[in-house]
Amino acid sequence: HPDVICGQGTVALELFEDVGELDVLLVCLGGGG
């Protein structure tokens, strides 16, 4: 669901805001949100 995807994306958004750019981002994958 697009609204679910966008909400979940705030996890990485906060991470980048807090630590700056990264070379790699490792993310758990179940259904893909």
All heavy atoms as atom14 arrays in JSON, in Angstrom:
{
  "sequence": "HPDVICGQGTVALELFEDVGELDVLLVCLGGGG",
  "atom14_mask": [
    [1, 1, 1, 1, 1, 1, 1, 1, 1, 1, 0, 0, 0, 0],
    [1, 1, 1, 1, 1, 1, 1, 0, 0, 0, 0, 0, 0, 0],
    [1, 1, 1, 1, 1, 1, 1, 1, 0, 0, 0, 0, 0, 0],
    [1, 1, 1, 1, 1, 1, 1, 0, 0, 0, 0, 0, 0, 0],
    [1, 1, 1, 1, 1, 1, 1, 1, 0, 0, 0, 0, 0, 0],
    [1, 1, 1, 1, 1, 1, 0, 0, 0, 0, 0, 0, 0, 0],
    [1, 1, 1, 1, 0, 0, 0, 0, 0, 0, 0, 0, 0, 0],
    [1, 1, 1, 1, 1, 1, 1, 1, 1, 0, 0, 0, 0, 0],
    [1, 1, 1, 1, 0, 0, 0, 0, 0, 0, 0, 0, 0, 0],
    [1, 1, 1, 1, 1, 1, 1, 0, 0, 0, 0, 0, 0, 0],
    [1, 1, 1, 1, 1, 1, 1, 0, 0, 0, 0, 0, 0, 0],
    [1, 1, 1, 1, 1, 0, 0, 0, 0, 0, 0, 0, 0, 0],
    [1, 1, 1, 1, 1, 1, 1, 1, 0, 0, 0, 0, 0, 0],
    [1, 1, 1, 1, 1, 1, 1, 1, 1, 0, 0, 0, 0, 0],
    [1, 1, 1, 1, 1, 1, 1, 1, 0, 0, 0, 0, 0, 0],
    [1, 1, 1, 1, 1, 1, 1, 1, 1, 1, 1, 0, 0, 0],
    [1, 1, 1, 1, 1, 1, 1, 1, 1, 0, 0, 0, 0, 0],
    [1, 1, 1, 1, 1, 1, 1, 1, 0, 0, 0, 0, 0, 0],
    [1, 1, 1, 1, 1, 1, 1, 0, 0, 0, 0, 0, 0, 0],
    [1, 1, 1, 1, 0, 0, 0, 0, 0, 0, 0, 0, 0, 0],
    [1, 1, 1, 1, 1, 1, 1, 1, 1, 0, 0, 0, 0, 0],
    [1, 1, 1, 1, 1, 1, 1, 1, 0, 0, 0, 0, 0, 0],
    [1, 1, 1, 1, 1, 1, 1, 1, 0, 0, 0, 0, 0, 0],
    [1, 1, 1, 1, 1, 1, 1, 0, 0, 0, 0, 0, 0, 0],
    [1, 1, 1, 1, 1, 1, 1, 1, 0, 0, 0, 0, 0, 0],
    [1, 1, 1, 1, 1, 1, 1, 1, 0, 0, 0, 0, 0, 0],
    [1, 1, 1, 1, 1, 1, 1, 0, 0, 0, 0, 0, 0, 0],
    [1, 1, 1, 1, 1, 1, 0, 0, 0, 0, 0, 0, 0, 0],
    [1, 1, 1, 1, 1, 1, 1, 1, 0, 0, 0, 0, 0, 0],
    [1, 1, 1, 1, 0, 0, 0, 0, 0, 0, 0, 0, 0, 0],
    [1, 1, 1, 1, 0, 0, 0, 0, 0, 0, 0, 0, 0, 0],
    [1, 1, 1, 1, 0, 0, 0, 0, 0, 0, 0, 0, 0, 0],
    [1, 1, 1, 1, 0, 0, 0, 0, 0, 0, 0, 0, 0, 0]
  ],
  "atom14_positions": [
    [[0.85, -1.18, 0.0], [0.0, 0.0, 0.0], [0.9, 1.24, 0.0], [1.79, 1.35, 0.85], [-0.88, -0.02, 1.25], [-1.98, 0.98, 1.26], [-1.75, 2.33, 1.43], [-3.32, 0.85, 1.11], [-2.9, 2.98, 1.4], [-3.87, 2.1, 1.2], [0.0, 0.0, 0.0], [0.0, 0.0, 0.0], [0.0, 0.0, 0.0], [0.0, 0.0, 0.0]],
    [[0.67, 2.19, -0.91], [1.55, 3.36, -1.0], [1.68, 4.15, 0.3], [2.79, 4.59, 0.65], [0.89, 4.21, -2.1], [0.21, 3.21, -2.97], [-0.31, 2.15, -2.03], [0.0, 0.0, 0.0], [0.0, 0.0, 0.0], [0.0, 0.0, 0.0], [0.0, 0.0, 0.0], [0.0, 0.0, 0.0], [0.0, 0.0, 0.0], [0.0, 0.0, 0.0]],
    [[0.59, 4.34, 1.05], [0.69, 5.12, 2.3], [1.5, 4.37, 3.36], [2.17, 4.99, 4.2], [-0.71, 5.44, 2.86], [-1.47, 6.41, 1.97], [-0.81, 7.17, 1.22], [-2.72, 6.43, 2.02], [0.0, 0.0, 0.0], [0.0, 0.0, 0.0], [0.0, 0.0, 0.0], [0.0, 0.0, 0.0], [0.0, 0.0, 0.0], [0.0, 0.0, 0.0]],
    [[1.42, 3.04, 3.33], [2.21, 2.23, 4.26], [3.69, 2.33, 3.89], [4.55, 2.56, 4.75], [1.73, 0.77, 4.25], [2.67, -0.13, 5.05], [0.31, 0.66, 4.82], [0.0, 0.0, 0.0], [0.0, 0.0, 0.0], [0.0, 0.0, 0.0], [0.0, 0.0, 0.0], [0.0, 0.0, 0.0], [0.0, 0.0, 0.0], [0.0, 0.0, 0.0]],
    [[3.99, 2.21, 2.6], [5.38, 2.33, 2.12], [5.99, 3.66, 2.57], [7.11, 3.71, 3.08], [5.42, 2.23, 0.57], [5.08, 0.81, 0.12], [6.81, 2.64, 0.04], [4.9, 0.65, -1.4], [0.0, 0.0, 0.0], [0.0, 0.0, 0.0], [0.0, 0.0, 0.0], [0.0, 0.0, 0.0], [0.0, 0.0, 0.0], [0.0, 0.0, 0.0]],
    [[5.23, 4.74, 2.39], [5.77, 6.08, 2.71], [6.0, 6.24, 4.2], [7.0, 6.83, 4.62], [4.84, 7.16, 2.19], [4.8, 7.19, 0.39], [0.0, 0.0, 0.0], [0.0, 0.0, 0.0], [0.0, 0.0, 0.0], [0.0, 0.0, 0.0], [0.0, 0.0, 0.0], [0.0, 0.0, 0.0], [0.0, 0.0, 0.0], [0.0, 0.0, 0.0]],
    [[5.1, 5.7, 5.02], [5.3, 5.76, 6.46], [6.55, 5.0, 6.86], [7.38, 5.5, 7.65], [0.0, 0.0, 0.0], [0.0, 0.0, 0.0], [0.0, 0.0, 0.0], [0.0, 0.0, 0.0], [0.0, 0.0, 0.0], [0.0, 0.0, 0.0], [0.0, 0.0, 0.0], [0.0, 0.0, 0.0], [0.0, 0.0, 0.0], [0.0, 0.0, 0.0]],
    [[6.75, 3.81, 6.3], [7.92, 3.0, 6.65], [9.21, 3.69, 6.19], [10.26, 3.54, 6.82], [7.87, 1.58, 6.05], [6.57, 0.81, 6.11], [5.84, 0.72, 7.43], [5.98, 1.58, 8.3], [5.02, -0.32, 7.58], [0.0, 0.0, 0.0], [0.0, 0.0, 0.0], [0.0, 0.0, 0.0], [0.0, 0.0, 0.0], [0.0, 0.0, 0.0]],
    [[9.13, 4.43, 5.11], [10.32, 5.11, 4.6], [10.88, 6.16, 5.53], [12.04, 6.57, 5.42], [0.0, 0.0, 0.0], [0.0, 0.0, 0.0], [0.0, 0.0, 0.0], [0.0, 0.0, 0.0], [0.0, 0.0, 0.0], [0.0, 0.0, 0.0], [0.0, 0.0, 0.0], [0.0, 0.0, 0.0], [0.0, 0.0, 0.0], [0.0, 0.0, 0.0]],
    [[10.07, 6.58, 6.51], [10.54, 7.6, 7.45], [11.63, 7.05, 8.38], [12.39, 7.82, 8.96], [9.38, 8.17, 8.31], [8.79, 7.13, 9.1], [8.31, 8.81, 7.43], [0.0, 0.0, 0.0], [0.0, 0.0, 0.0], [0.0, 0.0, 0.0], [0.0, 0.0, 0.0], [0.0, 0.0, 0.0], [0.0, 0.0, 0.0], [0.0, 0.0, 0.0]],
    [[11.74, 5.73, 8.5], [12.82, 5.11, 9.28], [14.16, 5.54, 8.68], [15.04, 6.08, 9.38], [12.73, 3.56, 9.26], [13.92, 2.95, 10.0], [11.43, 3.07, 9.86], [0.0, 0.0, 0.0], [0.0, 0.0, 0.0], [0.0, 0.0, 0.0], [0.0, 0.0, 0.0], [0.0, 0.0, 0.0], [0.0, 0.0, 0.0], [0.0, 0.0, 0.0]],
    [[14.33, 5.3, 7.39], [15.59, 5.63, 6.71], [15.78, 7.14, 6.61], [16.9, 7.64, 6.73], [15.63, 4.98, 5.33], [0.0, 0.0, 0.0], [0.0, 0.0, 0.0], [0.0, 0.0, 0.0], [0.0, 0.0, 0.0], [0.0, 0.0, 0.0], [0.0, 0.0, 0.0], [0.0, 0.0, 0.0], [0.0, 0.0, 0.0], [0.0, 0.0, 0.0]],
    [[14.68, 7.86, 6.41], [14.75, 9.33, 6.34], [15.42, 9.88, 7.61], [16.36, 10.68, 7.55], [13.34, 9.91, 6.21], [13.22, 11.44, 6.19], [13.51, 11.97, 4.81], [11.84, 11.88, 6.64], [0.0, 0.0, 0.0], [0.0, 0.0, 0.0], [0.0, 0.0, 0.0], [0.0, 0.0, 0.0], [0.0, 0.0, 0.0], [0.0, 0.0, 0.0]],
    [[14.95, 9.42, 8.77], [15.53, 9.88, 10.05], [16.99, 9.46, 10.17], [17.83, 10.23, 10.66], [14.74, 9.29, 11.22], [13.35, 9.85, 11.37], [12.54, 9.14, 12.46], [13.09, 8.28, 13.18], [11.34, 9.46, 12.58], [0.0, 0.0, 0.0], [0.0, 0.0, 0.0], [0.0, 0.0, 0.0], [0.0, 0.0, 0.0], [0.0, 0.0, 0.0]],
    [[17.3, 8.25, 9.73], [18.67, 7.77, 9.81], [19.62, 8.67, 9.01], [20.66, 9.1, 9.51], [18.75, 6.32, 9.31], [20.13, 5.67, 9.23], [20.81, 5.62, 10.59], [20.03, 4.26, 8.65], [0.0, 0.0, 0.0], [0.0, 0.0, 0.0], [0.0, 0.0, 0.0], [0.0, 0.0, 0.0], [0.0, 0.0, 0.0], [0.0, 0.0, 0.0]],
    [[19.24, 8.98, 7.77], [20.07, 9.87, 6.93], [20.17, 11.26, 7.55], [21.23, 11.88, 7.53], [19.52, 9.96, 5.51], [19.71, 8.71, 4.69], [18.61, 8.01, 4.2], [20.97, 8.21, 4.42], [18.78, 6.85, 3.45], [21.16, 7.05, 3.67], [20.06, 6.37, 3.18], [0.0, 0.0, 0.0], [0.0, 0.0, 0.0], [0.0, 0.0, 0.0]],
    [[19.06, 11.76, 8.09], [19.08, 13.09, 8.72], [20.05, 13.1, 9.91], [20.74, 14.09, 10.15], [17.68, 13.48, 9.2], [16.76, 13.9, 8.08], [15.31, 14.17, 8.53], [14.98, 13.88, 9.7], [14.54, 14.66, 7.7], [0.0, 0.0, 0.0], [0.0, 0.0, 0.0], [0.0, 0.0, 0.0], [0.0, 0.0, 0.0], [0.0, 0.0, 0.0]],
    [[20.11, 11.98, 10.64], [20.94, 11.93, 11.85], [22.42, 11.66, 11.57], [23.28, 12.17, 12.28], [20.42, 10.85, 12.81], [19.13, 11.28, 13.5], [18.73, 12.45, 13.35], [18.51, 10.44, 14.19], [0.0, 0.0, 0.0], [0.0, 0.0, 0.0], [0.0, 0.0, 0.0], [0.0, 0.0, 0.0], [0.0, 0.0, 0.0], [0.0, 0.0, 0.0]],
    [[22.72, 10.83, 10.57], [24.13, 10.45, 10.36], [24.72, 10.89, 9.03], [25.91, 10.68, 8.78], [24.35, 8.92, 10.56], [23.82, 8.47, 11.9], [23.72, 8.12, 9.43], [0.0, 0.0, 0.0], [0.0, 0.0, 0.0], [0.0, 0.0, 0.0], [0.0, 0.0, 0.0], [0.0, 0.0, 0.0], [0.0, 0.0, 0.0], [0.0, 0.0, 0.0]],
    [[23.92, 11.49, 8.17], [24.44, 11.93, 6.87], [24.43, 10.81, 5.84], [23.8, 9.77, 6.04], [0.0, 0.0, 0.0], [0.0, 0.0, 0.0], [0.0, 0.0, 0.0], [0.0, 0.0, 0.0], [0.0, 0.0, 0.0], [0.0, 0.0, 0.0], [0.0, 0.0, 0.0], [0.0, 0.0, 0.0], [0.0, 0.0, 0.0], [0.0, 0.0, 0.0]],
    [[25.15, 11.03, 4.75], [25.11, 10.07, 3.65], [25.79, 8.75, 4.03], [26.69, 8.72, 4.88], [25.77, 10.68, 2.41], [24.98, 11.86, 1.86], [25.31, 12.18, 0.41], [25.86, 11.31, -0.29], [25.02, 13.32, 0.0], [0.0, 0.0, 0.0], [0.0, 0.0, 0.0], [0.0, 0.0, 0.0], [0.0, 0.0, 0.0], [0.0, 0.0, 0.0]],
    [[25.33, 7.68, 3.41], [25.88, 6.35, 3.68], [26.3, 5.68, 2.37], [25.8, 6.05, 1.3], [24.81, 5.47, 4.37], [24.35, 5.92, 5.77], [23.11, 5.15, 6.2], [25.48, 5.74, 6.79], [0.0, 0.0, 0.0], [0.0, 0.0, 0.0], [0.0, 0.0, 0.0], [0.0, 0.0, 0.0], [0.0, 0.0, 0.0], [0.0, 0.0, 0.0]],
    [[27.2, 4.72, 2.48], [27.6, 3.95, 1.29], [26.61, 2.81, 1.02], [26.31, 2.48, -0.12], [29.0, 3.35, 1.49], [30.04, 4.42, 1.75], [30.06, 5.41, 0.99], [30.8, 4.29, 2.72], [0.0, 0.0, 0.0], [0.0, 0.0, 0.0], [0.0, 0.0, 0.0], [0.0, 0.0, 0.0], [0.0, 0.0, 0.0], [0.0, 0.0, 0.0]],
    [[26.15, 2.21, 2.12], [25.25, 1.05, 2.03], [24.15, 1.19, 3.08], [24.4, 1.66, 4.19], [26.03, -0.28, 2.31], [25.1, -1.49, 2.22], [27.19, -0.45, 1.34], [0.0, 0.0, 0.0], [0.0, 0.0, 0.0], [0.0, 0.0, 0.0], [0.0, 0.0, 0.0], [0.0, 0.0, 0.0], [0.0, 0.0, 0.0], [0.0, 0.0, 0.0]],
    [[22.94, 0.78, 2.71], [21.85, 0.7, 3.68], [21.28, -0.71, 3.61], [20.8, -1.14, 2.56], [20.76, 1.73, 3.37], [19.53, 1.71, 4.3], [19.93, 2.04, 5.75], [18.46, 2.67, 3.83], [0.0, 0.0, 0.0], [0.0, 0.0, 0.0], [0.0, 0.0, 0.0], [0.0, 0.0, 0.0], [0.0, 0.0, 0.0], [0.0, 0.0, 0.0]],
    [[21.37, -1.45, 4.72], [20.86, -2.82, 4.78], [19.5, -2.81, 5.45], [19.33, -2.25, 6.53], [21.83, -3.7, 5.58], [23.21, -3.9, 4.94], [24.2, -4.45, 5.96], [23.12, -4.82, 3.73], [0.0, 0.0, 0.0], [0.0, 0.0, 0.0], [0.0, 0.0, 0.0], [0.0, 0.0, 0.0], [0.0, 0.0, 0.0], [0.0, 0.0, 0.0]],
    [[18.52, -3.43, 4.77], [17.12, -3.33, 5.22], [16.48, -4.71, 5.23], [16.58, -5.47, 4.25], [16.3, -2.42, 4.27], [14.91, -2.17, 4.83], [17.01, -1.1, 4.0], [0.0, 0.0, 0.0], [0.0, 0.0, 0.0], [0.0, 0.0, 0.0], [0.0, 0.0, 0.0], [0.0, 0.0, 0.0], [0.0, 0.0, 0.0], [0.0, 0.0, 0.0]],
    [[15.79, -5.05, 6.34], [15.04, -6.31, 6.42], [13.96, -6.33, 5.34], [13.31, -5.32, 5.1], [14.34, -6.43, 7.78], [15.33, -5.88, 9.15], [0.0, 0.0, 0.0], [0.0, 0.0, 0.0], [0.0, 0.0, 0.0], [0.0, 0.0, 0.0], [0.0, 0.0, 0.0], [0.0, 0.0, 0.0], [0.0, 0.0, 0.0], [0.0, 0.0, 0.0]],
    [[13.75, -7.5, 4.76], [12.73, -7.64, 3.71], [11.76, -8.77, 4.05], [12.16, -9.93, 4.19], [13.39, -7.9, 2.36], [12.47, -8.31, 1.2], [11.41, -7.26, 0.93], [13.28, -8.57, -0.06], [0.0, 0.0, 0.0], [0.0, 0.0, 0.0], [0.0, 0.0, 0.0], [0.0, 0.0, 0.0], [0.0, 0.0, 0.0], [0.0, 0.0, 0.0]],
    [[10.48, -8.41, 4.21], [9.4, -9.39, 4.33], [8.51, -9.17, 3.12], [8.74, -9.7, 2.04], [0.0, 0.0, 0.0], [0.0, 0.0, 0.0], [0.0, 0.0, 0.0], [0.0, 0.0, 0.0], [0.0, 0.0, 0.0], [0.0, 0.0, 0.0], [0.0, 0.0, 0.0], [0.0, 0.0, 0.0], [0.0, 0.0, 0.0], [0.0, 0.0, 0.0]],
    [[7.51, -8.31, 3.28], [6.64, -7.98, 2.15], [7.17, -6.84, 1.3], [6.73, -6.64, 0.17], [0.0, 0.0, 0.0], [0.0, 0.0, 0.0], [0.0, 0.0, 0.0], [0.0, 0.0, 0.0], [0.0, 0.0, 0.0], [0.0, 0.0, 0.0], [0.0, 0.0, 0.0], [0.0, 0.0, 0.0], [0.0, 0.0, 0.0], [0.0, 0.0, 0.0]],
    [[8.09, -6.06, 1.87], [8.74, -5.03, 1.06], [8.39, -3.58, 1.37], [8.89, -2.67, 0.72], [0.0, 0.0, 0.0], [0.0, 0.0, 0.0], [0.0, 0.0, 0.0], [0.0, 0.0, 0.0], [0.0, 0.0, 0.0], [0.0, 0.0, 0.0], [0.0, 0.0, 0.0], [0.0, 0.0, 0.0], [0.0, 0.0, 0.0], [0.0, 0.0, 0.0]],
    [[7.55, -3.34, 2.38], [7.18, -1.96, 2.7], [8.35, -1.14, 3.2], [8.6, -0.02, 2.75], [0.0, 0.0, 0.0], [0.0, 0.0, 0.0], [0.0, 0.0, 0.0], [0.0, 0.0, 0.0], [0.0, 0.0, 0.0], [0.0, 0.0, 0.0], [0.0, 0.0, 0.0], [0.0, 0.0, 0.0], [0.0, 0.0, 0.0], [0.0, 0.0, 0.0]]
  ]
}
